Amino acid sequence: QDVLKAYHAVSKSVKELNSLLSAGGQSTTVTSGVNFFGSSVGGVNAEQDLEEGRGVDPETFAALYADLATPRIAEHLDYDELGRLRYKKNVVRIYSRERLKTLFSKRDQLDVRSETAN
């Protein structure tokens, strides 16, 4: 019961954060549901990432493979002969190692900064 209550509180907070990030233009999504990873790092522009073929965040990557793409994105997805997911004929990749390190560092900084915001 405690786990469910804590999950509900976190989920509600992340949804609120995601809405603020989206409204502020700091985050876009290409999948259904809330991107917990994207929210935790201050937002990701998944749509631009896909369009530019530079990789997507881990949660978007997993959601695309799980067939959770929005209809507008799904119409441009297919698989190549090796079973790799493609968007507009470009293989969908996860962010580079350097980009992931940067985002995790940003998340750490946001955590520290948020402590003084209360």
N, C-alpha and C. Protein backbone atom coordinates (compact mmCIF):
# COMPACT_ATOMS: atom_id res chain seq x y z
N GLN A 1 0.82 -1.19 0.00
CA GLN A 1 0.00 0.00 0.00
C GLN A 1 0.87 1.26 0.00
N ASP A 2 1.93 1.25 0.80
CA ASP A 2 2.84 2.41 0.84
C ASP A 2 3.50 2.65 -0.51
N VAL A 3 3.87 1.56 -1.19
CA VAL A 3 4.50 1.69 -2.50
C VAL A 3 3.52 2.32 -3.50
N LEU A 4 2.28 1.89 -3.47
CA LEU A 4 1.28 2.45 -4.38
C LEU A 4 1.03 3.93 -4.11
N LYS A 5 0.98 4.31 -2.83
CA LYS A 5 0.80 5.72 -2.48
C LYS A 5 1.98 6.56 -2.95
N ALA A 6 3.19 6.05 -2.73
CA ALA A 6 4.39 6.77 -3.17
C ALA A 6 4.43 6.87 -4.69
N TYR A 7 4.09 5.80 -5.37
CA TYR A 7 4.07 5.82 -6.83
C TYR A 7 3.07 6.85 -7.34
N HIS A 8 1.90 6.89 -6.74
CA HIS A 8 0.87 7.85 -7.15
C HIS A 8 1.38 9.28 -7.00
N ALA A 9 2.04 9.56 -5.89
CA ALA A 9 2.56 10.91 -5.64
C ALA A 9 3.63 11.28 -6.66
N VAL A 10 4.53 10.35 -6.93
CA VAL A 10 5.60 10.60 -7.91
C VAL A 10 5.00 10.77 -9.30
N SER A 11 4.09 9.91 -9.68
CA SER A 11 3.47 9.97 -11.00
C SER A 11 2.76 11.30 -11.19
N LYS A 12 2.03 11.73 -10.20
CA LYS A 12 1.32 13.01 -10.28
C LYS A 12 2.31 14.16 -10.43
N SER A 13 3.38 14.14 -9.68
CA SER A 13 4.40 15.19 -9.75
C SER A 13 5.10 15.21 -11.10
N VAL A 14 5.43 14.04 -11.62
CA VAL A 14 6.12 13.97 -12.91
C VAL A 14 5.20 14.45 -14.03
N LYS A 15 3.93 14.11 -13.96
CA LYS A 15 2.97 14.59 -14.96
C LYS A 15 2.89 16.12 -14.93
N GLU A 16 2.87 16.68 -13.74
CA GLU A 16 2.84 18.15 -13.60
C GLU A 16 4.12 18.76 -14.16
N LEU A 17 5.28 18.18 -13.82
CA LEU A 17 6.55 18.66 -14.33
C LEU A 17 6.58 18.56 -15.85
N ASN A 18 6.14 17.44 -16.39
CA ASN A 18 6.12 17.24 -17.83
C ASN A 18 5.25 18.29 -18.52
N SER A 19 4.11 18.61 -17.93
CA SER A 19 3.23 19.64 -18.49
C SER A 19 3.93 21.00 -18.50
N LEU A 20 4.62 21.33 -17.43
CA LEU A 20 5.34 22.61 -17.36
C LEU A 20 6.47 22.66 -18.40
N LEU A 21 7.21 21.56 -18.53
CA LEU A 21 8.30 21.51 -19.51
C LEU A 21 7.76 21.63 -20.93
N SER A 22 6.67 20.95 -21.21
CA SER A 22 6.06 21.02 -22.54
C SER A 22 5.54 22.42 -22.83
N ALA A 23 4.86 23.01 -21.87
CA ALA A 23 4.31 24.36 -22.05
C ALA A 23 5.42 25.38 -22.26
N GLY A 24 6.56 25.15 -21.63
CA GLY A 24 7.70 26.05 -21.77
C GLY A 24 8.56 25.78 -22.98
N GLY A 25 8.17 24.79 -23.78
CA GLY A 25 8.93 24.46 -24.99
C GLY A 25 10.23 23.72 -24.71
N GLN A 26 10.37 23.18 -23.53
CA GLN A 26 11.59 22.47 -23.16
C GLN A 26 11.51 20.97 -23.40
N SER A 27 10.34 20.51 -23.81
CA SER A 27 10.17 19.07 -23.98
C SER A 27 9.07 18.78 -25.00
N THR A 28 9.32 17.80 -25.85
CA THR A 28 8.30 17.29 -26.75
C THR A 28 8.34 15.77 -26.65
N THR A 29 7.22 15.16 -26.92
CA THR A 29 7.16 13.71 -26.86
C THR A 29 6.66 13.15 -28.19
N VAL A 30 7.02 11.92 -28.46
CA VAL A 30 6.58 11.24 -29.68
C VAL A 30 5.92 9.91 -29.34
N THR A 31 5.67 9.72 -28.05
CA THR A 31 5.07 8.47 -27.58
C THR A 31 3.93 8.80 -26.62
N SER A 32 3.09 7.82 -26.37
CA SER A 32 2.01 8.02 -25.41
C SER A 32 2.58 7.92 -23.99
N GLY A 33 1.89 8.52 -23.08
CA GLY A 33 2.33 8.47 -21.69
C GLY A 33 3.37 9.52 -21.38
N VAL A 34 3.83 9.50 -20.15
CA VAL A 34 4.80 10.47 -19.65
C VAL A 34 6.20 9.87 -19.74
N ASN A 35 7.13 10.68 -20.20
CA ASN A 35 8.52 10.26 -20.28
C ASN A 35 9.22 10.64 -18.98
N PHE A 36 9.31 9.70 -18.04
CA PHE A 36 9.90 9.96 -16.74
C PHE A 36 11.37 10.37 -16.88
N PHE A 37 12.11 9.73 -17.77
CA PHE A 37 13.51 10.09 -17.97
C PHE A 37 13.61 11.52 -18.48
N GLY A 38 12.85 11.84 -19.53
CA GLY A 38 12.90 13.18 -20.10
C GLY A 38 12.57 14.25 -19.07
N SER A 39 11.57 14.00 -18.27
CA SER A 39 11.20 14.95 -17.22
C SER A 39 12.31 15.09 -16.18
N SER A 40 12.95 13.99 -15.85
CA SER A 40 13.97 14.02 -14.79
C SER A 40 15.22 14.80 -15.19
N VAL A 41 15.43 14.99 -16.49
CA VAL A 41 16.63 15.71 -16.95
C VAL A 41 16.28 17.12 -17.44
N GLY A 42 15.06 17.57 -17.17
CA GLY A 42 14.67 18.92 -17.55
C GLY A 42 14.09 19.02 -18.94
N GLY A 43 13.73 17.91 -19.52
CA GLY A 43 13.07 17.89 -20.82
C GLY A 43 13.98 17.43 -21.94
N VAL A 44 13.37 16.77 -22.90
CA VAL A 44 14.05 16.36 -24.14
C VAL A 44 13.14 16.69 -25.30
N ASN A 45 13.72 16.97 -26.43
CA ASN A 45 12.93 17.26 -27.62
C ASN A 45 12.97 16.02 -28.50
N ALA A 46 12.15 15.05 -28.16
CA ALA A 46 12.15 13.77 -28.85
C ALA A 46 11.79 13.90 -30.32
N GLU A 47 10.90 14.82 -30.62
CA GLU A 47 10.50 14.99 -32.02
C GLU A 47 11.68 15.50 -32.86
N GLN A 48 12.34 16.51 -32.38
CA GLN A 48 13.50 17.05 -33.09
C GLN A 48 14.62 16.00 -33.16
N ASP A 49 14.83 15.28 -32.07
CA ASP A 49 15.85 14.23 -32.06
C ASP A 49 15.59 13.22 -33.17
N LEU A 50 14.34 12.79 -33.31
CA LEU A 50 13.99 11.83 -34.37
C LEU A 50 14.19 12.43 -35.75
N GLU A 51 13.70 13.63 -35.93
CA GLU A 51 13.79 14.28 -37.24
C GLU A 51 15.24 14.46 -37.68
N GLU A 52 16.11 14.77 -36.73
CA GLU A 52 17.52 15.01 -37.06
C GLU A 52 18.36 13.73 -37.02
N GLY A 53 17.75 12.61 -36.61
CA GLY A 53 18.45 11.33 -36.61
C GLY A 53 19.63 11.24 -35.67
N ARG A 54 19.56 11.99 -34.57
CA ARG A 54 20.71 12.01 -33.66
C ARG A 54 20.54 11.11 -32.43
N GLY A 55 19.54 10.28 -32.48
CA GLY A 55 19.28 9.39 -31.35
C GLY A 55 18.20 9.97 -30.45
N VAL A 56 17.62 9.13 -29.64
CA VAL A 56 16.57 9.55 -28.71
C VAL A 56 16.94 9.07 -27.31
N ASP A 57 16.25 9.64 -26.33
CA ASP A 57 16.50 9.26 -24.94
C ASP A 57 16.07 7.80 -24.71
N PRO A 58 16.58 7.18 -23.65
CA PRO A 58 16.30 5.76 -23.41
C PRO A 58 14.81 5.41 -23.30
N GLU A 59 14.04 6.26 -22.66
CA GLU A 59 12.62 5.93 -22.49
C GLU A 59 11.86 6.05 -23.80
N THR A 60 12.18 7.05 -24.60
CA THR A 60 11.56 7.18 -25.92
C THR A 60 11.95 5.99 -26.78
N PHE A 61 13.21 5.61 -26.74
CA PHE A 61 13.70 4.47 -27.50
C PHE A 61 12.89 3.22 -27.17
N ALA A 62 12.75 2.95 -25.88
CA ALA A 62 12.00 1.76 -25.45
C ALA A 62 10.53 1.86 -25.83
N ALA A 63 9.93 3.02 -25.67
CA ALA A 63 8.51 3.18 -26.00
C ALA A 63 8.27 3.02 -27.50
N LEU A 64 9.18 3.51 -28.32
CA LEU A 64 9.02 3.33 -29.77
C LEU A 64 9.07 1.85 -30.13
N TYR A 65 9.99 1.11 -29.53
CA TYR A 65 10.08 -0.33 -29.79
C TYR A 65 8.88 -1.09 -29.24
N ALA A 66 8.23 -0.52 -28.23
CA ALA A 66 7.05 -1.16 -27.64
C ALA A 66 5.75 -0.73 -28.33
N ASP A 67 5.88 -0.11 -29.50
CA ASP A 67 4.73 0.32 -30.30
C ASP A 67 3.87 1.36 -29.60
N LEU A 68 4.51 2.28 -28.88
CA LEU A 68 3.78 3.33 -28.18
C LEU A 68 3.94 4.70 -28.83
N ALA A 69 4.36 4.71 -30.09
CA ALA A 69 4.51 5.98 -30.81
C ALA A 69 3.15 6.63 -31.03
N THR A 70 3.14 7.95 -31.04
CA THR A 70 1.91 8.66 -31.39
C THR A 70 1.58 8.34 -32.85
N PRO A 71 0.33 8.43 -33.23
CA PRO A 71 -0.04 8.08 -34.61
C PRO A 71 0.75 8.86 -35.67
N ARG A 72 0.99 10.14 -35.43
CA ARG A 72 1.72 10.97 -36.40
C ARG A 72 3.14 10.47 -36.61
N ILE A 73 3.75 9.95 -35.57
CA ILE A 73 5.11 9.40 -35.65
C ILE A 73 5.06 7.97 -36.19
N ALA A 74 4.10 7.18 -35.73
CA ALA A 74 3.99 5.76 -36.10
C ALA A 74 3.90 5.57 -37.61
N GLU A 75 3.27 6.52 -38.30
CA GLU A 75 3.13 6.36 -39.75
C GLU A 75 4.46 6.41 -40.47
N HIS A 76 5.51 6.87 -39.82
CA HIS A 76 6.83 6.96 -40.44
C HIS A 76 7.81 5.90 -39.92
N LEU A 77 7.31 4.99 -39.09
CA LEU A 77 8.17 3.94 -38.51
C LEU A 77 8.05 2.65 -39.31
N ASP A 78 9.18 1.98 -39.45
CA ASP A 78 9.20 0.63 -40.02
C ASP A 78 10.47 -0.06 -39.52
N TYR A 79 10.71 -1.26 -40.00
CA TYR A 79 11.89 -2.03 -39.59
C TYR A 79 12.71 -2.36 -40.82
N ASP A 80 14.03 -2.37 -40.66
CA ASP A 80 14.89 -2.76 -41.77
C ASP A 80 15.04 -4.28 -41.78
N GLU A 81 15.84 -4.79 -42.73
CA GLU A 81 16.01 -6.24 -42.88
C GLU A 81 16.70 -6.89 -41.68
N LEU A 82 17.34 -6.08 -40.82
CA LEU A 82 17.99 -6.61 -39.62
C LEU A 82 17.10 -6.48 -38.38
N GLY A 83 15.87 -6.00 -38.58
CA GLY A 83 14.93 -5.88 -37.47
C GLY A 83 15.10 -4.60 -36.66
N ARG A 84 15.87 -3.65 -37.18
CA ARG A 84 16.07 -2.39 -36.47
C ARG A 84 14.94 -1.43 -36.81
N LEU A 85 14.47 -0.74 -35.80
CA LEU A 85 13.41 0.24 -35.98
C LEU A 85 13.96 1.44 -36.73
N ARG A 86 13.16 1.93 -37.71
CA ARG A 86 13.57 3.10 -38.48
C ARG A 86 12.47 4.16 -38.45
N TYR A 87 12.91 5.40 -38.49
CA TYR A 87 12.01 6.54 -38.62
C TYR A 87 12.40 7.25 -39.90
N LYS A 88 11.47 7.31 -40.83
CA LYS A 88 11.73 7.89 -42.15
C LYS A 88 13.00 7.29 -42.76
N LYS A 89 13.10 5.98 -42.65
CA LYS A 89 14.18 5.16 -43.24
C LYS A 89 15.54 5.31 -42.54
N ASN A 90 15.59 6.06 -41.44
CA ASN A 90 16.82 6.17 -40.66
C ASN A 90 16.68 5.33 -39.39
N VAL A 91 17.68 4.52 -39.09
CA VAL A 91 17.64 3.67 -37.90
C VAL A 91 17.54 4.54 -36.65
N VAL A 92 16.60 4.18 -35.77
CA VAL A 92 16.44 4.90 -34.51
C VAL A 92 17.48 4.37 -33.54
N ARG A 93 18.25 5.27 -33.01
CA ARG A 93 19.31 4.92 -32.06
C ARG A 93 19.05 5.62 -30.74
N ILE A 94 19.69 5.10 -29.71
CA ILE A 94 19.65 5.75 -28.40
C ILE A 94 20.72 6.85 -28.41
N TYR A 95 20.56 7.84 -27.55
CA TYR A 95 21.55 8.90 -27.46
C TYR A 95 22.97 8.34 -27.34
N SER A 96 23.91 9.13 -27.77
CA SER A 96 25.32 8.75 -27.62
C SER A 96 25.68 8.69 -26.14
N ARG A 97 26.75 8.03 -25.86
CA ARG A 97 27.23 7.91 -24.48
C ARG A 97 27.49 9.30 -23.88
N GLU A 98 28.09 10.19 -24.68
CA GLU A 98 28.38 11.54 -24.19
C GLU A 98 27.10 12.32 -23.89
N ARG A 99 26.12 12.20 -24.75
CA ARG A 99 24.84 12.89 -24.52
C ARG A 99 24.18 12.36 -23.25
N LEU A 100 24.21 11.06 -23.04
CA LEU A 100 23.64 10.48 -21.83
C LEU A 100 24.38 10.99 -20.58
N LYS A 101 25.70 11.03 -20.64
CA LYS A 101 26.47 11.55 -19.50
C LYS A 101 26.08 12.99 -19.20
N THR A 102 25.93 13.79 -20.24
CA THR A 102 25.53 15.19 -20.07
C THR A 102 24.17 15.29 -19.41
N LEU A 103 23.22 14.48 -19.86
CA LEU A 103 21.87 14.52 -19.30
C LEU A 103 21.85 14.05 -17.84
N PHE A 104 22.61 13.02 -17.52
CA PHE A 104 22.66 12.58 -16.13
C PHE A 104 23.29 13.65 -15.24
N SER A 105 24.28 14.35 -15.76
CA SER A 105 24.89 15.45 -15.03
C SER A 105 23.88 16.58 -14.83
N LYS A 106 23.11 16.87 -15.87
CA LYS A 106 22.08 17.90 -15.77
C LYS A 106 21.05 17.52 -14.72
N ARG A 107 20.69 16.23 -14.68
CA ARG A 107 19.73 15.77 -13.67
C ARG A 107 20.28 15.98 -12.27
N ASP A 108 21.56 15.68 -12.07
CA ASP A 108 22.19 15.89 -10.77
C ASP A 108 22.14 17.38 -10.39
N GLN A 109 22.43 18.25 -11.36
CA GLN A 109 22.39 19.69 -11.11
C GLN A 109 20.99 20.16 -10.77
N LEU A 110 20.00 19.64 -11.47
CA LEU A 110 18.60 19.99 -11.19
C LEU A 110 18.21 19.55 -9.79
N ASP A 111 18.70 18.40 -9.38
CA ASP A 111 18.41 17.89 -8.04
C ASP A 111 18.95 18.85 -6.98
N VAL A 112 20.18 19.29 -7.17
CA VAL A 112 20.80 20.22 -6.23
C VAL A 112 20.05 21.56 -6.23
N ARG A 113 19.79 22.09 -7.42
CA ARG A 113 19.11 23.38 -7.53
C ARG A 113 17.70 23.32 -6.96
N SER A 114 17.03 22.19 -7.10
CA SER A 114 15.66 22.07 -6.63
C SER A 114 15.59 22.09 -5.11
N GLU A 115 16.66 21.69 -4.46
CA GLU A 115 16.68 21.69 -2.99
C GLU A 115 16.52 23.11 -2.44
N THR A 116 17.06 24.10 -3.15
CA THR A 116 17.00 25.48 -2.68
C THR A 116 15.74 26.19 -3.18
N ALA A 117 14.97 25.56 -4.03
CA ALA A 117 13.77 26.19 -4.59
C ALA A 117 12.58 26.12 -3.63
N ASN A 118 12.69 25.31 -2.61
CA ASN A 118 11.55 25.14 -1.69
C ASN A 118 11.56 26.20 -0.69
